[in-house]
């Protein structure tokens, strides 16, 4: 979860919630609320957090986003096969799936 990532990276940087809050411009209670996954920071705050914690935004949100929708093994295989396929095969697959080809 996003809050777990914030806490983990903050601790790794030897930073307190109060120190992080001061840099980001929020209260320590807000940081605490993020870290226990009660609330989530908006994208502007995520950008500030990434800067303050010297990490990428994807380091903060990556696992959170991944946990929302995990692909099955079969779905991953289909994606890999699609990426290896010729343009003709890709276009045929998209037509079968009803995906508009641009």
PDB file of N, CA and C in Angstrom:
ATOM      1  N   UNK A   1       0.837  -1.188   0.000  1.00  0.00           N
ATOM      2  CA  UNK A   1       0.000   0.000   0.000  1.00  0.00           C
ATOM      3  C   UNK A   1       0.878   1.246   0.000  1.00  0.00           C
ATOM      4  N   UNK A   2       0.313   2.315  -0.468  1.00  0.00           N
ATOM      5  CA  UNK A   2       1.025   3.578  -0.562  1.00  0.00           C
ATOM      6  C   UNK A   2       1.582   4.014   0.791  1.00  0.00           C
ATOM      7  N   UNK A   3       0.776   3.942   1.819  1.00  0.00           N
ATOM      8  CA  UNK A   3       1.218   4.362   3.152  1.00  0.00           C
ATOM      9  C   UNK A   3       2.391   3.551   3.655  1.00  0.00           C
ATOM     10  N   UNK A   4       2.368   2.252   3.385  1.00  0.00           N
ATOM     11  CA  UNK A   4       3.480   1.388   3.782  1.00  0.00           C
ATOM     12  C   UNK A   4       4.771   1.813   3.078  1.00  0.00           C
ATOM     13  N   UNK A   5       4.644   2.169   1.800  1.00  0.00           N
ATOM     14  CA  UNK A   5       5.815   2.612   1.047  1.00  0.00           C
ATOM     15  C   UNK A   5       6.360   3.932   1.584  1.00  0.00           C
ATOM     16  N   UNK A   6       5.468   4.848   1.933  1.00  0.00           N
ATOM     17  CA  UNK A   6       5.908   6.135   2.495  1.00  0.00           C
ATOM     18  C   UNK A   6       6.684   5.887   3.780  1.00  0.00           C
ATOM     19  N   UNK A   7       6.105   5.080   4.673  1.00  0.00           N
ATOM     20  CA  UNK A   7       6.761   4.805   5.957  1.00  0.00           C
ATOM     21  C   UNK A   7       8.115   4.129   5.758  1.00  0.00           C
ATOM     22  N   UNK A   8       8.139   3.116   4.905  1.00  0.00           N
ATOM     23  CA  UNK A   8       9.368   2.351   4.677  1.00  0.00           C
ATOM     24  C   UNK A   8      10.490   3.255   4.142  1.00  0.00           C
ATOM     25  N   UNK A   9      10.165   4.095   3.176  1.00  0.00           N
ATOM     26  CA  UNK A   9      11.184   4.967   2.589  1.00  0.00           C
ATOM     27  C   UNK A   9      11.578   6.072   3.571  1.00  0.00           C
ATOM     28  N   UNK A  10      10.609   6.578   4.333  1.00  0.00           N
ATOM     29  CA  UNK A  10      10.919   7.609   5.339  1.00  0.00           C
ATOM     30  C   UNK A  10      11.880   7.050   6.381  1.00  0.00           C
ATOM     31  N   UNK A  11      11.596   5.865   6.894  1.00  0.00           N
ATOM     32  CA  UNK A  11      12.452   5.237   7.906  1.00  0.00           C
ATOM     33  C   UNK A  11      13.838   4.967   7.329  1.00  0.00           C
ATOM     34  N   UNK A  12      13.876   4.490   6.084  1.00  0.00           N
ATOM     35  CA  UNK A  12      15.161   4.224   5.423  1.00  0.00           C
ATOM     36  C   UNK A  12      16.001   5.495   5.336  1.00  0.00           C
ATOM     37  N   UNK A  13      15.342   6.634   5.219  1.00  0.00           N
ATOM     38  CA  UNK A  13      16.026   7.926   5.146  1.00  0.00           C
ATOM     39  C   UNK A  13      16.268   8.544   6.523  1.00  0.00           C
ATOM     40  N   UNK A  14      16.023   7.764   7.586  1.00  0.00           N
ATOM     41  CA  UNK A  14      16.222   8.249   8.963  1.00  0.00           C
ATOM     42  C   UNK A  14      15.518   9.580   9.206  1.00  0.00           C
ATOM     43  N   UNK A  15      14.264   9.644   8.784  1.00  0.00           N
ATOM     44  CA  UNK A  15      13.492  10.869   8.916  1.00  0.00           C
ATOM     45  C   UNK A  15      12.277  10.604   9.793  1.00  0.00           C
ATOM     46  N   UNK A  16      11.949  11.552  10.648  1.00  0.00           N
ATOM     47  CA  UNK A  16      10.752  11.420  11.472  1.00  0.00           C
ATOM     48  C   UNK A  16       9.532  11.891  10.684  1.00  0.00           C
ATOM     49  N   UNK A  17       8.356  11.530  11.184  1.00  0.00           N
ATOM     50  CA  UNK A  17       7.131  12.019  10.550  1.00  0.00           C
ATOM     51  C   UNK A  17       7.087  13.540  10.613  1.00  0.00           C
ATOM     52  N   UNK A  18       7.546  14.096  11.719  1.00  0.00           N
ATOM     53  CA  UNK A  18       7.530  15.554  11.881  1.00  0.00           C
ATOM     54  C   UNK A  18       8.449  16.225  10.857  1.00  0.00           C
ATOM     55  N   UNK A  19       9.627  15.658  10.655  1.00  0.00           N
ATOM     56  CA  UNK A  19      10.562  16.231   9.683  1.00  0.00           C
ATOM     57  C   UNK A  19       9.986  16.167   8.268  1.00  0.00           C
ATOM     58  N   UNK A  20       9.415  15.029   7.933  1.00  0.00           N
ATOM     59  CA  UNK A  20       8.817  14.878   6.606  1.00  0.00           C
ATOM     60  C   UNK A  20       7.653  15.848   6.427  1.00  0.00           C
ATOM     61  N   UNK A  21       6.836  15.961   7.448  1.00  0.00           N
ATOM     62  CA  UNK A  21       5.682  16.870   7.395  1.00  0.00           C
ATOM     63  C   UNK A  21       6.124  18.305   7.143  1.00  0.00           C
ATOM     64  N   UNK A  22       7.177  18.730   7.812  1.00  0.00           N
ATOM     65  CA  UNK A  22       7.674  20.104   7.642  1.00  0.00           C
ATOM     66  C   UNK A  22       8.138  20.343   6.210  1.00  0.00           C
ATOM     67  N   UNK A  23       8.817  19.379   5.634  1.00  0.00           N
ATOM     68  CA  UNK A  23       9.318  19.534   4.269  1.00  0.00           C
ATOM     69  C   UNK A  23       8.170  19.569   3.259  1.00  0.00           C
ATOM     70  N   UNK A  24       7.185  18.697   3.469  1.00  0.00           N
ATOM     71  CA  UNK A  24       6.071  18.580   2.528  1.00  0.00           C
ATOM     72  C   UNK A  24       5.025  19.681   2.748  1.00  0.00           C
ATOM     73  N   UNK A  25       5.018  20.261   3.939  1.00  0.00           N
ATOM     74  CA  UNK A  25       4.065  21.333   4.228  1.00  0.00           C
ATOM     75  C   UNK A  25       2.727  20.848   4.737  1.00  0.00           C
ATOM     76  N   UNK A  26       2.762  19.748   5.494  1.00  0.00           N
ATOM     77  CA  UNK A  26       1.547  19.213   6.107  1.00  0.00           C
ATOM     78  C   UNK A  26       1.825  18.988   7.589  1.00  0.00           C
ATOM     79  N   UNK A  27       0.826  18.541   8.304  1.00  0.00           N
ATOM     80  CA  UNK A  27       1.022  18.258   9.731  1.00  0.00           C
ATOM     81  C   UNK A  27       1.580  16.843   9.915  1.00  0.00           C
ATOM     82  N   UNK A  28       2.231  16.582  11.039  1.00  0.00           N
ATOM     83  CA  UNK A  28       2.671  15.212  11.321  1.00  0.00           C
ATOM     84  C   UNK A  28       1.494  14.237  11.357  1.00  0.00           C
ATOM     85  N   UNK A  29       0.324  14.717  11.772  1.00  0.00           N
ATOM     86  CA  UNK A  29      -0.864  13.864  11.806  1.00  0.00           C
ATOM     87  C   UNK A  29      -1.267  13.428  10.390  1.00  0.00           C
ATOM     88  N   UNK A  30      -1.055  14.314   9.426  1.00  0.00           N
ATOM     89  CA  UNK A  30      -1.358  13.966   8.033  1.00  0.00           C
ATOM     90  C   UNK A  30      -0.429  12.863   7.552  1.00  0.00           C
ATOM     91  N   UNK A  31       0.869  13.011   7.859  1.00  0.00           N
ATOM     92  CA  UNK A  31       1.828  11.970   7.478  1.00  0.00           C
ATOM     93  C   UNK A  31       1.440  10.650   8.138  1.00  0.00           C
ATOM     94  N   UNK A  32       1.085  10.701   9.401  1.00  0.00           N
ATOM     95  CA  UNK A  32       0.661   9.499  10.117  1.00  0.00           C
ATOM     96  C   UNK A  32      -0.558   8.868   9.444  1.00  0.00           C
ATOM     97  N   UNK A  33      -1.508   9.690   9.062  1.00  0.00           N
ATOM     98  CA  UNK A  33      -2.722   9.212   8.408  1.00  0.00           C
ATOM     99  C   UNK A  33      -2.398   8.526   7.081  1.00  0.00           C
ATOM    100  N   UNK A  34      -1.429   9.074   6.348  1.00  0.00           N
ATOM    101  CA  UNK A  34      -1.000   8.434   5.102  1.00  0.00           C
ATOM    102  C   UNK A  34      -0.365   7.081   5.392  1.00  0.00           C
ATOM    103  N   UNK A  35       0.516   7.068   6.393  1.00  0.00           N
ATOM    104  CA  UNK A  35       1.291   5.856   6.673  1.00  0.00           C
ATOM    105  C   UNK A  35       0.445   4.698   7.193  1.00  0.00           C
ATOM    106  N   UNK A  36      -0.667   4.990   7.820  1.00  0.00           N
ATOM    107  CA  UNK A  36      -1.553   3.908   8.277  1.00  0.00           C
ATOM    108  C   UNK A  36      -2.684   3.654   7.276  1.00  0.00           C
ATOM    109  N   UNK A  37      -2.545   4.251   6.101  1.00  0.00           N
ATOM    110  CA  UNK A  37      -3.494   4.049   4.992  1.00  0.00           C
ATOM    111  C   UNK A  37      -4.920   4.487   5.312  1.00  0.00           C
ATOM    112  N   UNK A  38      -5.052   5.473   6.197  1.00  0.00           N
ATOM    113  CA  UNK A  38      -6.371   6.041   6.495  1.00  0.00           C
ATOM    114  C   UNK A  38      -6.759   7.007   5.380  1.00  0.00           C
ATOM    115  N   UNK A  39      -5.771   7.762   4.890  1.00  0.00           N
ATOM    116  CA  UNK A  39      -5.979   8.673   3.773  1.00  0.00           C
ATOM    117  C   UNK A  39      -4.805   8.515   2.819  1.00  0.00           C
ATOM    118  N   UNK A  40      -4.951   9.071   1.616  1.00  0.00           N
ATOM    119  CA  UNK A  40      -3.868   9.039   0.634  1.00  0.00           C
ATOM    120  C   UNK A  40      -3.531  10.461   0.217  1.00  0.00           C
ATOM    121  N   UNK A  41      -2.248  10.721   0.002  1.00  0.00           N
ATOM    122  CA  UNK A  41      -1.855  12.046  -0.475  1.00  0.00           C
ATOM    123  C   UNK A  41      -2.304  12.259  -1.915  1.00  0.00           C
ATOM    124  N   UNK A  42      -2.572  13.520  -2.270  1.00  0.00           N
ATOM    125  CA  UNK A  42      -2.903  13.802  -3.662  1.00  0.00           C
ATOM    126  C   UNK A  42      -1.613  13.788  -4.483  1.00  0.00           C
ATOM    127  N   UNK A  43      -1.740  13.905  -5.797  1.00  0.00           N
ATOM    128  CA  UNK A  43      -0.564  13.794  -6.664  1.00  0.00           C
ATOM    129  C   UNK A  43       0.459  14.888  -6.369  1.00  0.00           C
ATOM    130  N   UNK A  44       0.005  16.068  -6.038  1.00  0.00           N
ATOM    131  CA  UNK A  44       0.946  17.138  -5.687  1.00  0.00           C
ATOM    132  C   UNK A  44       1.760  16.777  -4.460  1.00  0.00           C
ATOM    133  N   UNK A  45       1.114  16.186  -3.479  1.00  0.00           N
ATOM    134  CA  UNK A  45       1.822  15.769  -2.265  1.00  0.00           C
ATOM    135  C   UNK A  45       2.761  14.606  -2.563  1.00  0.00           C
ATOM    136  N   UNK A  46       2.362  13.720  -3.452  1.00  0.00           N
ATOM    137  CA  UNK A  46       3.228  12.597  -3.819  1.00  0.00           C
ATOM    138  C   UNK A  46       4.505  13.117  -4.469  1.00  0.00           C
ATOM    139  N   UNK A  47       4.371  14.139  -5.302  1.00  0.00           N
ATOM    140  CA  UNK A  47       5.561  14.742  -5.925  1.00  0.00           C
ATOM    141  C   UNK A  47       6.476  15.340  -4.859  1.00  0.00           C
ATOM    142  N   UNK A  48       5.892  16.032  -3.883  1.00  0.00           N
ATOM    143  CA  UNK A  48       6.687  16.607  -2.796  1.00  0.00           C
ATOM    144  C   UNK A  48       7.330  15.517  -1.940  1.00  0.00           C
ATOM    145  N   UNK A  49       6.570  14.451  -1.681  1.00  0.00           N
ATOM    146  CA  UNK A  49       7.099  13.333  -0.902  1.00  0.00           C
ATOM    147  C   UNK A  49       8.292  12.698  -1.613  1.00  0.00           C
ATOM    148  N   UNK A  50       8.156  12.468  -2.911  1.00  0.00           N
ATOM    149  CA  UNK A  50       9.241  11.855  -3.675  1.00  0.00           C
ATOM    150  C   UNK A  50      10.487  12.719  -3.617  1.00  0.00           C
ATOM    151  N   UNK A  51      10.302  14.009  -3.725  1.00  0.00           N
ATOM    152  CA  UNK A  51      11.442  14.924  -3.651  1.00  0.00           C
ATOM    153  C   UNK A  51      12.060  14.906  -2.255  1.00  0.00           C
ATOM    154  N   UNK A  52      11.233  14.983  -1.238  1.00  0.00           N
ATOM    155  CA  UNK A  52      11.715  15.010   0.144  1.00  0.00           C
ATOM    156  C   UNK A  52      12.411  13.712   0.525  1.00  0.00           C
ATOM    157  N   UNK A  53      11.919  12.596  -0.017  1.00  0.00           N
ATOM    158  CA  UNK A  53      12.463  11.286   0.335  1.00  0.00           C
ATOM    159  C   UNK A  53      13.520  10.803  -0.658  1.00  0.00           C
ATOM    160  N   UNK A  54      13.824  11.670  -1.629  1.00  0.00           N
ATOM    161  CA  UNK A  54      14.851  11.357  -2.626  1.00  0.00           C
ATOM    162  C   UNK A  54      14.570  10.014  -3.306  1.00  0.00           C
ATOM    163  N   UNK A  55      13.338   9.877  -3.805  1.00  0.00           N
ATOM    164  CA  UNK A  55      12.953   8.653  -4.494  1.00  0.00           C
ATOM    165  C   UNK A  55      12.057   9.022  -5.675  1.00  0.00           C
ATOM    166  N   UNK A  56      11.702   8.036  -6.462  1.00  0.00           N
ATOM    167  CA  UNK A  56      10.789   8.264  -7.583  1.00  0.00           C
ATOM    168  C   UNK A  56       9.347   8.154  -7.096  1.00  0.00           C
ATOM    169  N   UNK A  57       8.453   8.823  -7.780  1.00  0.00           N
ATOM    170  CA  UNK A  57       7.034   8.698  -7.443  1.00  0.00           C
ATOM    171  C   UNK A  57       6.599   7.244  -7.546  1.00  0.00           C
ATOM    172  N   UNK A  58       7.132   6.537  -8.526  1.00  0.00           N
ATOM    173  CA  UNK A  58       6.762   5.127  -8.696  1.00  0.00           C
ATOM    174  C   UNK A  58       7.220   4.275  -7.511  1.00  0.00           C
ATOM    175  N   UNK A  59       8.289   4.705  -6.815  1.00  0.00           N
ATOM    176  CA  UNK A  59       8.708   3.985  -5.611  1.00  0.00           C
ATOM    177  C   UNK A  59       7.632   4.090  -4.533  1.00  0.00           C
ATOM    178  N   UNK A  60       6.957   5.224  -4.513  1.00  0.00           N
ATOM    179  CA  UNK A  60       5.900   5.430  -3.518  1.00  0.00           C
ATOM    180  C   UNK A  60       4.605   4.727  -3.909  1.00  0.00           C
ATOM    181  N   UNK A  61       4.209   4.862  -5.153  1.00  0.00           N
ATOM    182  CA  UNK A  61       2.898   4.351  -5.557  1.00  0.00           C
ATOM    183  C   UNK A  61       2.954   3.010  -6.256  1.00  0.00           C
ATOM    184  N   UNK A  62       4.138   2.580  -6.676  1.00  0.00           N
ATOM    185  CA  UNK A  62       4.269   1.374  -7.483  1.00  0.00           C
ATOM    186  C   UNK A  62       3.567   0.171  -6.932  1.00  0.00           C
ATOM    187  N   UNK A  63       3.882  -0.244  -5.726  1.00  0.00           N
ATOM    188  CA  UNK A  63       3.281  -1.439  -5.156  1.00  0.00           C
ATOM    189  C   UNK A  63       1.800  -1.239  -4.909  1.00  0.00           C
ATOM    190  N   UNK A  64       1.422  -0.035  -4.555  1.00  0.00           N
ATOM    191  CA  UNK A  64       0.018   0.263  -4.320  1.00  0.00           C
ATOM    192  C   UNK A  64      -0.796   0.042  -5.585  1.00  0.00           C
ATOM    193  N   UNK A  65      -0.280   0.540  -6.703  1.00  0.00           N
ATOM    194  CA  UNK A  65      -0.985   0.375  -7.976  1.00  0.00           C
ATOM    195  C   UNK A  65      -0.975  -1.081  -8.394  1.00  0.00           C
ATOM    196  N   UNK A  66       0.147  -1.749  -8.243  1.00  0.00           N
ATOM    197  CA  UNK A  66       0.252  -3.152  -8.638  1.00  0.00           C
ATOM    198  C   UNK A  66      -0.731  -4.022  -7.861  1.00  0.00           C
ATOM    199  N   UNK A  67      -0.945  -3.719  -6.593  1.00  0.00           N
ATOM    200  CA  UNK A  67      -1.837  -4.534  -5.776  1.00  0.00           C
ATOM    201  C   UNK A  67      -3.304  -4.340  -6.133  1.00  0.00           C
ATOM    202  N   UNK A  68      -3.627  -3.267  -6.814  1.00  0.00           N
ATOM    203  CA  UNK A  68      -5.019  -3.039  -7.178  1.00  0.00           C
ATOM    204  C   UNK A  68      -5.487  -4.012  -8.243  1.00  0.00           C
ATOM    205  N   UNK A  69      -4.572  -4.416  -9.133  1.00  0.00           N
ATOM    206  CA  UNK A  69      -4.971  -5.316 -10.209  1.00  0.00           C
ATOM    207  C   UNK A  69      -3.772  -6.153 -10.622  1.00  0.00           C
ATOM    208  N   UNK A  70      -3.710  -7.359 -10.106  1.00  0.00           N
ATOM    209  CA  UNK A  70      -2.626  -8.252 -10.474  1.00  0.00           C
ATOM    210  C   UNK A  70      -3.061  -9.066 -11.687  1.00  0.00           C
ATOM    211  N   UNK A  71      -2.146  -9.227 -12.626  1.00  0.00           N
ATOM    212  CA  UNK A  71      -2.427 -10.023 -13.810  1.00  0.00           C
ATOM    213  C   UNK A  71      -2.173 -11.494 -13.507  1.00  0.00           C
ATOM    214  N   UNK A  72      -3.008 -12.325 -14.093  1.00  0.00           N
ATOM    215  CA  UNK A  72      -2.801 -13.769 -13.955  1.00  0.00           C
ATOM    216  C   UNK A  72      -1.625 -14.179 -14.845  1.00  0.00           C
ATOM    217  N   UNK A  73      -1.160 -15.394 -14.646  1.00  0.00           N
ATOM    218  CA  UNK A  73      -0.080 -15.924 -15.466  1.00  0.00           C
ATOM    219  C   UNK A  73      -0.492 -15.924 -16.939  1.00  0.00           C
ATOM    220  N   UNK A  74      -1.714 -16.334 -17.229  1.00  0.00           N
ATOM    221  CA  UNK A  74      -2.202 -16.383 -18.599  1.00  0.00           C
ATOM    222  C   UNK A  74      -2.265 -14.993 -19.220  1.00  0.00           C
ATOM    223  N   UNK A  75      -2.686 -13.996 -18.435  1.00  0.00           N
ATOM    224  CA  UNK A  75      -2.732 -12.623 -18.944  1.00  0.00           C
ATOM    225  C   UNK A  75      -1.325 -12.123 -19.276  1.00  0.00           C
ATOM    226  N   UNK A  76      -0.374 -12.426 -18.419  1.00  0.00           N
ATOM    227  CA  UNK A  76       1.018 -12.020 -18.688  1.00  0.00           C
ATOM    228  C   UNK A  76       1.534 -12.701 -19.948  1.00  0.00           C
ATOM    229  N   UNK A  77       1.206 -13.988 -20.133  1.00  0.00           N
ATOM    230  CA  UNK A  77       1.632 -14.712 -21.328  1.00  0.00           C
ATOM    231  C   UNK A  77       1.043 -14.068 -22.589  1.00  0.00           C
ATOM    232  N   UNK A  78      -0.240 -13.688 -22.523  1.00  0.00           N
ATOM    233  CA  UNK A  78      -0.876 -13.035 -23.669  1.00  0.00           C
ATOM    234  C   UNK A  78      -0.199 -11.705 -23.999  1.00  0.00           C
ATOM    235  N   UNK A  79       0.115 -10.935 -22.991  1.00  0.00           N
ATOM    236  CA  UNK A  79       0.773  -9.649 -23.203  1.00  0.00           C
ATOM    237  C   UNK A  79       2.145  -9.855 -23.841  1.00  0.00           C
ATOM    238  N   UNK A  80       2.901 -10.805 -23.329  1.00  0.00           N
ATOM    239  CA  UNK A  80       4.224 -11.077 -23.893  1.00  0.00           C
ATOM    240  C   UNK A  80       4.125 -11.555 -25.337  1.00  0.00           C
ATOM    241  N   UNK A  81       3.168 -12.435 -25.621  1.00  0.00           N
ATOM    242  CA  UNK A  81       2.984 -12.920 -26.997  1.00  0.00           C
ATOM    243  C   UNK A  81       2.584 -11.769 -27.909  1.00  0.00           C
ATOM    244  N   UNK A  82       1.703 -10.912 -27.432  1.00  0.00           N
ATOM    245  CA  UNK A  82       1.276  -9.753 -28.221  1.00  0.00           C
ATOM    246  C   UNK A  82       2.473  -8.859 -28.548  1.00  0.00           C
ATOM    247  N   UNK A  83       3.318  -8.610 -27.586  1.00  0.00           N
ATOM    248  CA  UNK A  83       4.483  -7.747 -27.800  1.00  0.00           C
ATOM    249  C   UNK A  83       5.456  -8.334 -28.822  1.00  0.00           C
ATOM    250  N   UNK A  84       5.527  -9.652 -28.897  1.00  0.00           N
ATOM    251  CA  UNK A  84       6.439 -10.310 -29.847  1.00  0.00           C
ATOM    252  C   UNK A  84       5.828 -10.433 -31.246  1.00  0.00           C
ATOM    253  N   UNK A  85       4.530 -10.288 -31.365  1.00  0.00           N
ATOM    254  CA  UNK A  85       3.826 -10.537 -32.616  1.00  0.00           C
ATOM    255  C   UNK A  85       4.094  -9.446 -33.656  1.00  0.00           C
ATOM    256  N   UNK A  86       3.854  -9.826 -34.912  1.00  0.00           N
ATOM    257  CA  UNK A  86       3.956  -8.855 -36.007  1.00  0.00           C
ATOM    258  C   UNK A  86       2.782  -7.881 -35.921  1.00  0.00           C
ATOM    259  N   UNK A  87       2.889  -6.782 -36.643  1.00  0.00           N
ATOM    260  CA  UNK A  87       1.810  -5.790 -36.646  1.00  0.00           C
ATOM    261  C   UNK A  87       0.503  -6.384 -37.169  1.00  0.00           C
ATOM    262  N   UNK A  88       0.597  -7.263 -38.170  1.00  0.00           N
ATOM    263  CA  UNK A  88      -0.620  -7.892 -38.712  1.00  0.00           C
ATOM    264  C   UNK A  88      -1.321  -8.730 -37.647  1.00  0.00           C
ATOM    265  N   UNK A  89      -0.560  -9.500 -36.905  1.00  0.00           N
ATOM    266  CA  UNK A  89      -1.135 -10.341 -35.841  1.00  0.00           C
ATOM    267  C   UNK A  89      -1.722  -9.457 -34.736  1.00  0.00           C
ATOM    268  N   UNK A  90      -1.004  -8.388 -34.367  1.00  0.00           N
ATOM    269  CA  UNK A  90      -1.512  -7.473 -33.339  1.00  0.00           C
ATOM    270  C   UNK A  90      -2.838  -6.867 -33.780  1.00  0.00           C
ATOM    271  N   UNK A  91      -2.912  -6.408 -35.039  1.00  0.00           N
ATOM    272  CA  UNK A  91      -4.148  -5.803 -35.540  1.00  0.00           C
ATOM    273  C   UNK A  91      -5.289  -6.812 -35.555  1.00  0.00           C
ATOM    274  N   UNK A  92      -4.999  -8.057 -35.930  1.00  0.00           N
ATOM    275  CA  UNK A  92      -6.032  -9.100 -35.936  1.00  0.00           C
ATOM    276  C   UNK A  92      -6.532  -9.359 -34.516  1.00  0.00           C
ATOM    277  N   UNK A  93      -5.610  -9.428 -33.568  1.00  0.00           N
ATOM    278  CA  UNK A  93      -5.998  -9.666 -32.172  1.00  0.00           C
ATOM    279  C   UNK A  93      -6.872  -8.530 -31.660  1.00  0.00           C
ATOM    280  N   UNK A  94      -6.511  -7.307 -31.992  1.00  0.00           N
ATOM    281  CA  UNK A  94      -7.299  -6.156 -31.549  1.00  0.00           C
ATOM    282  C   UNK A  94      -8.701  -6.189 -32.155  1.00  0.00           C
ATOM    283  N   UNK A  95      -8.796  -6.576 -33.432  1.00  0.00           N
ATOM    284  CA  UNK A  95     -10.128  -6.674 -34.071  1.00  0.00           C
ATOM    285  C   UNK A  95     -10.982  -7.740 -33.379  1.00  0.00           C
ATOM    286  N   UNK A  96     -10.394  -8.894 -33.075  1.00  0.00           N
ATOM    287  CA  UNK A  96     -11.123  -9.970 -32.409  1.00  0.00           C
ATOM    288  C   UNK A  96     -11.621  -9.507 -31.054  1.00  0.00           C
ATOM    289  N   UNK A  97     -10.803  -8.729 -30.356  1.00  0.00           N
ATOM    290  CA  UNK A  97     -11.168  -8.246 -29.024  1.00  0.00           C
ATOM    291  C   UNK A  97     -12.088  -7.033 -29.057  1.00  0.00           C
ATOM    292  N   UNK A  98     -12.313  -6.495 -30.259  1.00  0.00           N
ATOM    293  CA  UNK A  98     -13.193  -5.344 -30.373  1.00  0.00           C
ATOM    294  C   UNK A  98     -12.545  -4.036 -29.946  1.00  0.00           C
ATOM    295  N   UNK A  99     -11.220  -3.995 -30.008  1.00  0.00           N
ATOM    296  CA  UNK A  99     -10.485  -2.791 -29.628  1.00  0.00           C
ATOM    297  C   UNK A  99     -10.293  -1.948 -30.889  1.00  0.00           C
ATOM    298  N   UNK A 100     -10.635  -0.676 -30.809  1.00  0.00           N
ATOM    299  CA  UNK A 100     -10.514   0.218 -31.957  1.00  0.00           C
ATOM    300  C   UNK A 100      -9.044   0.393 -32.326  1.00  0.00           C
ATOM    301  N   UNK A 101      -8.742   0.193 -33.601  1.00  0.00           N
ATOM    302  CA  UNK A 101      -7.375   0.347 -34.099  1.00  0.00           C
ATOM    303  C   UNK A 101      -7.219   1.767 -34.608  1.00  0.00           C
ATOM    304  N   UNK A 102      -6.184   2.446 -34.115  1.00  0.00           N
ATOM    305  CA  UNK A 102      -5.967   3.845 -34.526  1.00  0.00           C
ATOM    306  C   UNK A 102      -4.925   3.949 -35.585  1.00  0.00           C
TER     307      UNK A 102
END
